[in-house]
Protein backbone atom coordinates (compact mmCIF):
# COMPACT_ATOMS: atom_id res chain seq x y z
CA MET A 1 -41.23 -48.09 -88.97
CA GLY A 2 -37.65 -48.03 -88.70
CA THR A 3 -34.75 -46.05 -87.52
CA SER A 4 -32.68 -43.59 -88.90
CA THR A 5 -29.11 -43.22 -89.34
CA HIS A 6 -29.64 -40.90 -86.46
CA GLY A 7 -31.51 -43.22 -84.43
CA ARG A 8 -34.71 -41.83 -85.40
CA ILE A 9 -37.95 -44.12 -85.47
CA LEU A 10 -39.58 -43.17 -88.44
CA VAL A 11 -42.95 -44.55 -90.22
CA VAL A 12 -42.13 -45.07 -93.96
CA VAL A 13 -44.73 -45.39 -96.86
CA HIS A 14 -42.82 -47.80 -100.05
CA VAL A 15 -43.59 -49.26 -102.60
CA ARG A 16 -41.62 -52.24 -104.28
CA THR A 17 -41.29 -53.00 -107.94
CA VAL A 18 -40.19 -55.86 -109.74
CA VAL A 19 -38.32 -54.61 -112.69
CA SER A 20 -36.97 -57.75 -114.14
CA ASN A 21 -36.58 -61.76 -112.61
CA ALA A 22 -33.46 -60.41 -109.97
CA ASP A 23 -33.87 -56.67 -109.81
CA GLU A 24 -36.40 -54.61 -107.60
CA VAL A 25 -36.96 -50.91 -107.09
CA ILE A 26 -38.18 -49.08 -104.17
CA ARG A 27 -39.55 -45.90 -104.20
CA ILE A 28 -39.94 -44.35 -100.78
CA ILE A 29 -44.06 -42.42 -100.47
CA SER A 30 -43.47 -40.78 -97.41
CA ALA A 31 -41.60 -40.60 -94.25
CA ARG A 32 -42.63 -39.10 -91.42
CA HIS A 33 -41.39 -38.90 -87.47
CA ALA A 34 -43.10 -41.41 -85.47
CA THR A 35 -45.65 -40.65 -82.71
CA ASN A 36 -45.20 -40.66 -79.64
CA GLN A 37 -47.81 -43.79 -79.19
CA GLU A 38 -45.92 -45.42 -82.44
CA ARG A 39 -42.36 -44.94 -80.69
CA ARG A 40 -43.67 -47.01 -77.91
CA SER A 41 -45.37 -49.73 -80.08
CA TYR A 42 -42.07 -49.94 -81.85
CA THR A 43 -39.59 -50.16 -79.07
CA GLU A 44 -42.32 -52.62 -76.94
CA GLY A 45 -42.12 -54.99 -79.97
């Protein structure tokens, strides 16, 4: 979970792939707005 540039709390699913010793690719699988319960959990830490 994290925040967008507009301050919205999002749930993001991603995959990190190492393509060489120093490079990696991050592929976004899905992103959606957090539910009220997820927002509370995120803000409470």
